[in-house]
Protein backbone atom coordinates (compact mmCIF):
# COMPACT_ATOMS: atom_id res chain seq x y z
CA MET A 1 1.49 -61.15 -4.56
CA ALA A 2 -1.24 -63.27 -2.47
CA LEU A 3 1.06 -61.30 0.72
CA SER A 4 0.44 -58.23 -0.83
CA GLU A 5 -3.23 -58.75 -1.55
CA GLU A 6 -3.88 -59.74 2.58
CA GLN A 7 -1.67 -56.72 3.34
CA ALA A 8 -3.72 -54.65 1.40
CA LYS A 9 -7.06 -56.22 2.40
CA ARG A 10 -6.64 -55.67 6.34
CA ILE A 11 -5.39 -51.99 5.77
CA LEU A 12 -8.88 -51.40 3.66
CA GLU A 13 -10.51 -52.74 6.57
CA LYS A 14 -8.60 -50.74 9.21
CA LEU A 15 -8.94 -47.63 7.16
CA GLN A 16 -13.30 -48.74 6.61
CA GLN A 17 -13.00 -49.10 11.18
CA VAL A 18 -10.88 -45.39 11.16
CA LEU A 19 -13.50 -44.46 8.90
CA LYS A 20 -16.19 -45.24 11.00
CA VAL A 21 -14.70 -44.22 14.00
CA ASN A 22 -14.03 -40.88 12.64
CA ALA A 23 -17.39 -40.09 11.46
CA ALA A 24 -19.02 -41.32 15.07
CA LEU A 25 -16.23 -38.97 16.58
CA ARG A 26 -18.01 -36.65 14.69
CA LYS A 27 -21.77 -37.11 15.34
CA ASP A 28 -20.78 -36.84 19.49
CA LYS A 29 -18.82 -33.52 18.69
CA GLU A 30 -22.09 -32.44 16.84
CA VAL A 31 -23.90 -33.22 19.92
CA LEU A 32 -21.67 -32.05 21.81
CA GLN A 33 -21.31 -28.52 20.34
CA GLN A 34 -25.48 -27.89 20.49
CA GLU A 35 -25.21 -28.96 24.27
CA ILE A 36 -22.63 -26.17 24.70
CA ALA A 37 -24.66 -23.63 23.28
CA GLN A 38 -27.66 -24.64 25.28
CA HIS A 39 -26.07 -24.31 28.34
CA LYS A 40 -24.58 -20.60 27.61
CA ASN A 41 -28.50 -19.91 26.81
CA LYS A 42 -29.07 -21.10 29.88
CA MET A 43 -25.91 -19.36 31.68
CA GLU A 44 -26.77 -15.95 29.56
CA LEU A 45 -30.69 -16.13 31.29
CA ALA A 46 -29.29 -17.24 34.44
CA GLN A 47 -26.99 -13.81 34.38
CA GLU A 48 -29.64 -11.48 33.37
CA THR A 49 -32.20 -13.00 36.27
CA ILE A 50 -29.41 -12.37 38.00
CA ALA A 51 -29.29 -8.60 36.95
CA LYS A 52 -32.61 -8.13 37.72
CA LEU A 53 -32.49 -9.51 41.07
CA ASP A 54 -29.80 -7.16 41.68
CA GLN A 55 -31.57 -4.32 40.56
CA GLN A 56 -34.63 -5.48 42.76
CA VAL A 57 -32.09 -5.99 45.74
CA GLU A 58 -30.84 -2.39 45.62
CA LEU A 59 -34.48 -0.45 44.70
CA LEU A 60 -35.80 -2.47 47.64
CA LYS A 61 -32.54 -1.29 49.66
CA PHE A 62 -33.64 2.87 48.48
CA THR A 63 -37.35 2.25 48.77
CA GLY A 64 -37.90 0.64 52.25
CA THR A 65 -35.58 2.59 55.37
CA PRO A 66 -34.16 6.01 54.96
CA MET A 67 -31.00 6.79 53.75
CA THR A 68 -28.02 8.07 54.41
CA ASP A 69 -25.65 10.84 52.44
CA GLU A 70 -23.55 8.35 50.62
CA GLU A 71 -27.03 5.55 49.89
CA LYS A 72 -28.56 9.06 48.23
CA LYS A 73 -25.63 9.77 46.52
CA GLN A 74 -25.01 5.78 45.15
CA PHE A 75 -28.75 6.17 44.51
CA GLU A 76 -29.00 8.82 42.20
CA ARG A 77 -25.30 7.58 40.48
CA ARG A 78 -27.39 5.10 39.51
CA ILE A 79 -30.65 6.64 38.24
CA ASN A 80 -27.76 8.87 35.95
CA THR A 81 -26.46 5.39 34.49
CA TYR A 82 -30.47 4.67 33.38
CA LEU A 83 -31.25 8.21 31.77
CA LYS A 84 -27.83 7.58 30.00
CA GLU A 85 -28.68 4.24 29.10
CA ILE A 86 -32.00 5.84 27.86
CA ASP A 87 -30.68 8.59 26.09
CA LYS A 88 -28.38 5.77 24.03
CA CYS A 89 -31.40 3.92 23.35
CA ILE A 90 -33.02 7.05 21.78
CA ALA A 91 -30.49 8.69 20.16
CA TYR A 92 -29.96 5.02 18.50
CA LEU A 93 -33.49 4.78 17.83
CA GLU A 94 -33.51 8.33 15.97
CA GLY A 95 -30.86 7.73 14.01
């Protein structure tokens, strides 16, 4: 009987160690998930900034120099895309 009691104690100790490690890993996981969420937010903000800067670059290209026919067509397509987006927003707000 003494041997089985010792085995039970060792098993219990090891189980407690595993539970402690499990709790620590869960905390680490939570922290890492929060960091991932923060990085995703930062990445989204950076992508929005890039998109805005790309638009500004395109507009600067078209405002400062005379445009070729292809550039005019591209500019008109861009304006039409914006108008469609605006129309969709208006329709969404009205509906």
